[in-house]
N, C-alpha and C. Protein backbone atom coordinates (compact mmCIF):
# COMPACT_ATOMS: atom_id res chain seq x y z
N MET A 1 -7.02 21.11 -17.39
CA MET A 1 -7.17 19.80 -17.99
C MET A 1 -5.80 19.30 -18.46
N VAL A 2 -5.46 18.09 -18.10
CA VAL A 2 -4.19 17.49 -18.46
C VAL A 2 -4.38 16.66 -19.72
N HIS A 3 -3.51 16.88 -20.69
CA HIS A 3 -3.56 16.09 -21.92
C HIS A 3 -2.59 14.92 -21.79
N VAL A 4 -3.11 13.71 -21.83
CA VAL A 4 -2.29 12.51 -21.72
C VAL A 4 -2.20 11.85 -23.08
N ARG A 5 -1.01 11.60 -23.54
CA ARG A 5 -0.82 10.95 -24.83
C ARG A 5 -0.96 9.44 -24.67
N ALA A 6 -1.59 8.83 -25.64
CA ALA A 6 -1.77 7.38 -25.63
C ALA A 6 -0.46 6.69 -26.01
N HIS A 7 -0.26 5.51 -25.50
CA HIS A 7 0.92 4.70 -25.81
C HIS A 7 0.63 3.89 -27.08
N VAL A 8 0.61 4.61 -28.18
CA VAL A 8 0.35 4.02 -29.50
C VAL A 8 1.56 4.26 -30.39
N ALA A 9 1.65 3.49 -31.46
CA ALA A 9 2.77 3.62 -32.38
C ALA A 9 2.66 4.89 -33.21
N SER A 10 3.76 5.59 -33.31
CA SER A 10 3.86 6.75 -34.18
C SER A 10 4.48 6.26 -35.48
N ARG A 11 3.66 6.21 -36.50
CA ARG A 11 4.14 5.69 -37.79
C ARG A 11 4.75 6.82 -38.61
N PRO A 12 5.78 6.59 -39.37
CA PRO A 12 6.38 5.32 -39.75
C PRO A 12 7.58 4.91 -38.90
N THR A 13 7.87 5.64 -37.83
CA THR A 13 9.05 5.32 -37.03
C THR A 13 8.83 4.20 -36.03
N TRP A 14 7.59 3.93 -35.70
CA TRP A 14 7.22 2.89 -34.74
C TRP A 14 7.85 3.12 -33.38
N ARG A 15 7.82 4.41 -32.96
CA ARG A 15 8.19 4.80 -31.61
C ARG A 15 6.89 5.10 -30.88
N CYS A 16 6.87 4.96 -29.58
CA CYS A 16 5.68 5.25 -28.79
C CYS A 16 5.39 6.74 -28.80
N ALA A 17 4.15 7.10 -29.10
CA ALA A 17 3.77 8.51 -29.15
C ALA A 17 3.83 9.17 -27.78
N ALA A 18 3.73 8.38 -26.72
CA ALA A 18 3.73 8.94 -25.36
C ALA A 18 5.12 9.02 -24.75
N CYS A 19 5.88 7.94 -24.86
CA CYS A 19 7.18 7.91 -24.16
C CYS A 19 8.39 7.88 -25.08
N GLY A 20 8.18 7.67 -26.37
CA GLY A 20 9.27 7.76 -27.33
C GLY A 20 10.14 6.54 -27.52
N VAL A 21 9.90 5.48 -26.77
CA VAL A 21 10.71 4.28 -26.94
C VAL A 21 10.13 3.41 -28.06
N ALA A 22 10.88 2.40 -28.47
CA ALA A 22 10.41 1.50 -29.52
C ALA A 22 9.07 0.90 -29.11
N TRP A 23 8.09 0.97 -30.03
CA TRP A 23 6.76 0.45 -29.75
C TRP A 23 6.69 -1.02 -30.15
N PRO A 24 6.03 -1.87 -29.37
CA PRO A 24 5.24 -1.57 -28.18
C PRO A 24 6.12 -1.38 -26.94
N CYS A 25 5.89 -0.27 -26.27
CA CYS A 25 6.60 0.03 -25.03
C CYS A 25 6.00 -0.83 -23.91
N SER A 26 6.58 -0.77 -22.74
CA SER A 26 6.09 -1.57 -21.61
C SER A 26 4.63 -1.28 -21.28
N THR A 27 4.26 0.00 -21.31
CA THR A 27 2.87 0.36 -21.01
C THR A 27 1.93 -0.17 -22.08
N ALA A 28 2.32 -0.05 -23.35
CA ALA A 28 1.48 -0.56 -24.44
C ALA A 28 1.30 -2.08 -24.31
N LYS A 29 2.36 -2.78 -23.93
CA LYS A 29 2.27 -4.23 -23.75
C LYS A 29 1.25 -4.58 -22.66
N LEU A 30 1.33 -3.87 -21.54
CA LEU A 30 0.38 -4.13 -20.45
C LEU A 30 -1.05 -3.84 -20.89
N LEU A 31 -1.25 -2.75 -21.60
CA LEU A 31 -2.59 -2.40 -22.08
C LEU A 31 -3.11 -3.43 -23.08
N LEU A 32 -2.24 -3.90 -23.97
CA LEU A 32 -2.64 -4.92 -24.94
C LEU A 32 -2.98 -6.25 -24.24
N LEU A 33 -2.17 -6.63 -23.26
CA LEU A 33 -2.46 -7.87 -22.53
C LEU A 33 -3.80 -7.77 -21.80
N ALA A 34 -4.10 -6.61 -21.26
CA ALA A 34 -5.38 -6.42 -20.57
C ALA A 34 -6.54 -6.47 -21.57
N LYS A 35 -6.38 -5.80 -22.68
CA LYS A 35 -7.44 -5.74 -23.70
C LYS A 35 -7.74 -7.13 -24.27
N TYR A 36 -6.71 -7.93 -24.48
CA TYR A 36 -6.87 -9.24 -25.11
C TYR A 36 -6.74 -10.39 -24.10
N ARG A 37 -6.98 -10.11 -22.83
CA ARG A 37 -6.74 -11.13 -21.80
C ARG A 37 -7.55 -12.40 -22.01
N GLU A 38 -8.70 -12.29 -22.65
CA GLU A 38 -9.55 -13.46 -22.89
C GLU A 38 -9.27 -14.13 -24.24
N ASP A 39 -8.41 -13.54 -25.06
CA ASP A 39 -8.18 -14.09 -26.40
C ASP A 39 -6.74 -13.83 -26.85
N ARG A 40 -5.83 -14.63 -26.33
CA ARG A 40 -4.41 -14.47 -26.67
C ARG A 40 -4.15 -14.70 -28.15
N ASP A 41 -4.94 -15.59 -28.80
CA ASP A 41 -4.77 -15.82 -30.23
C ASP A 41 -5.06 -14.56 -31.03
N ALA A 42 -6.10 -13.84 -30.66
CA ALA A 42 -6.44 -12.59 -31.35
C ALA A 42 -5.33 -11.55 -31.15
N LEU A 43 -4.74 -11.52 -29.96
CA LEU A 43 -3.63 -10.61 -29.71
C LEU A 43 -2.46 -10.95 -30.63
N MET A 44 -2.14 -12.22 -30.77
CA MET A 44 -1.03 -12.62 -31.61
C MET A 44 -1.28 -12.26 -33.08
N VAL A 45 -2.50 -12.43 -33.55
CA VAL A 45 -2.84 -12.06 -34.93
C VAL A 45 -2.69 -10.55 -35.10
N HIS A 46 -3.21 -9.79 -34.15
CA HIS A 46 -3.11 -8.33 -34.20
C HIS A 46 -1.65 -7.89 -34.23
N LEU A 47 -0.83 -8.46 -33.37
CA LEU A 47 0.58 -8.08 -33.31
C LEU A 47 1.33 -8.49 -34.57
N ALA A 48 1.00 -9.65 -35.13
CA ALA A 48 1.64 -10.09 -36.37
C ALA A 48 1.32 -9.14 -37.53
N GLU A 49 0.07 -8.68 -37.58
CA GLU A 49 -0.32 -7.71 -38.61
C GLU A 49 0.44 -6.40 -38.44
N LEU A 50 0.56 -5.94 -37.20
CA LEU A 50 1.30 -4.71 -36.94
C LEU A 50 2.78 -4.88 -37.26
N CYS A 51 3.32 -6.05 -36.99
CA CYS A 51 4.72 -6.34 -37.29
C CYS A 51 4.97 -6.26 -38.80
N GLU A 52 4.05 -6.79 -39.59
CA GLU A 52 4.18 -6.71 -41.05
C GLU A 52 4.16 -5.26 -41.52
N GLU A 53 3.25 -4.47 -40.96
CA GLU A 53 3.17 -3.06 -41.31
C GLU A 53 4.45 -2.33 -40.92
N ALA A 54 4.94 -2.60 -39.72
CA ALA A 54 6.17 -1.96 -39.25
C ALA A 54 7.37 -2.37 -40.10
N THR A 55 7.43 -3.63 -40.49
CA THR A 55 8.53 -4.12 -41.32
C THR A 55 8.60 -3.33 -42.62
N ALA A 56 7.46 -3.15 -43.27
CA ALA A 56 7.43 -2.42 -44.54
C ALA A 56 7.82 -0.96 -44.34
N GLN A 57 7.26 -0.32 -43.32
CA GLN A 57 7.54 1.10 -43.10
C GLN A 57 8.97 1.35 -42.65
N LEU A 58 9.48 0.50 -41.78
CA LEU A 58 10.85 0.68 -41.30
C LEU A 58 11.87 0.33 -42.39
N ALA A 59 11.54 -0.63 -43.25
CA ALA A 59 12.43 -0.96 -44.38
C ALA A 59 12.55 0.25 -45.30
N GLU A 60 11.43 0.92 -45.52
CA GLU A 60 11.46 2.11 -46.36
C GLU A 60 12.32 3.21 -45.73
N LEU A 61 12.20 3.38 -44.42
CA LEU A 61 12.99 4.39 -43.73
C LEU A 61 14.48 4.05 -43.71
N HIS A 62 14.78 2.75 -43.69
CA HIS A 62 16.17 2.30 -43.59
C HIS A 62 16.69 1.77 -44.92
N HIS A 63 16.17 2.31 -46.02
CA HIS A 63 16.65 1.98 -47.37
C HIS A 63 16.60 0.48 -47.67
N GLY A 64 15.48 -0.14 -47.36
CA GLY A 64 15.24 -1.53 -47.71
C GLY A 64 15.62 -2.55 -46.67
N SER A 65 16.12 -2.13 -45.53
CA SER A 65 16.59 -3.07 -44.52
C SER A 65 15.95 -2.77 -43.16
N PRO A 66 14.85 -3.47 -42.81
CA PRO A 66 14.23 -3.21 -41.51
C PRO A 66 15.07 -3.80 -40.37
N PRO A 67 14.86 -3.34 -39.15
CA PRO A 67 15.58 -3.94 -38.01
C PRO A 67 15.33 -5.45 -37.95
N VAL A 68 16.33 -6.20 -37.54
CA VAL A 68 16.23 -7.66 -37.53
C VAL A 68 15.44 -8.21 -36.35
N ASP A 69 15.20 -7.42 -35.33
CA ASP A 69 14.56 -7.91 -34.11
C ASP A 69 13.06 -7.65 -34.06
N LEU A 70 12.41 -7.39 -35.17
CA LEU A 70 11.01 -7.00 -35.13
C LEU A 70 10.09 -8.10 -34.62
N ALA A 71 10.32 -9.36 -34.97
CA ALA A 71 9.46 -10.44 -34.47
C ALA A 71 9.53 -10.49 -32.94
N ALA A 72 10.72 -10.40 -32.40
CA ALA A 72 10.86 -10.42 -30.94
C ALA A 72 10.18 -9.20 -30.33
N ARG A 73 10.36 -8.08 -30.96
CA ARG A 73 9.79 -6.83 -30.46
C ARG A 73 8.26 -6.85 -30.47
N PHE A 74 7.67 -7.44 -31.50
CA PHE A 74 6.22 -7.39 -31.64
C PHE A 74 5.48 -8.59 -31.07
N THR A 75 6.04 -9.78 -31.13
CA THR A 75 5.24 -10.96 -30.75
C THR A 75 5.84 -11.84 -29.66
N ASP A 76 7.15 -11.92 -29.55
CA ASP A 76 7.73 -12.87 -28.61
C ASP A 76 7.28 -12.64 -27.17
N TRP A 77 7.11 -11.40 -26.78
CA TRP A 77 6.72 -11.09 -25.40
C TRP A 77 5.29 -11.53 -25.09
N ALA A 78 4.45 -11.70 -26.12
CA ALA A 78 3.04 -11.97 -25.90
C ALA A 78 2.67 -13.45 -26.01
N ARG A 79 3.62 -14.28 -26.31
CA ARG A 79 3.31 -15.72 -26.44
C ARG A 79 2.81 -16.28 -25.11
N ALA A 80 1.92 -17.23 -25.23
CA ALA A 80 1.38 -17.89 -24.03
C ALA A 80 2.53 -18.57 -23.27
N ARG A 81 2.47 -18.49 -21.98
CA ARG A 81 3.52 -19.09 -21.15
C ARG A 81 3.08 -20.42 -20.62
């Protein structure tokens, strides 16, 4: 039996549990787009909530200063085209 790790955020670092890159990774983005394909607004709300959570956790890890690109990382890629 092969154990496959899900492409989910590993908190509090917000790295992908499966591939280790900054979450959401490319695979996570594709999975989220598929899951929310009928409701892009719900996807944006979900991502905004996760961005707020990541901002707080990453600020704590970085002594009060979260990465500046979090909005782009979490929501810009998912905006309706």
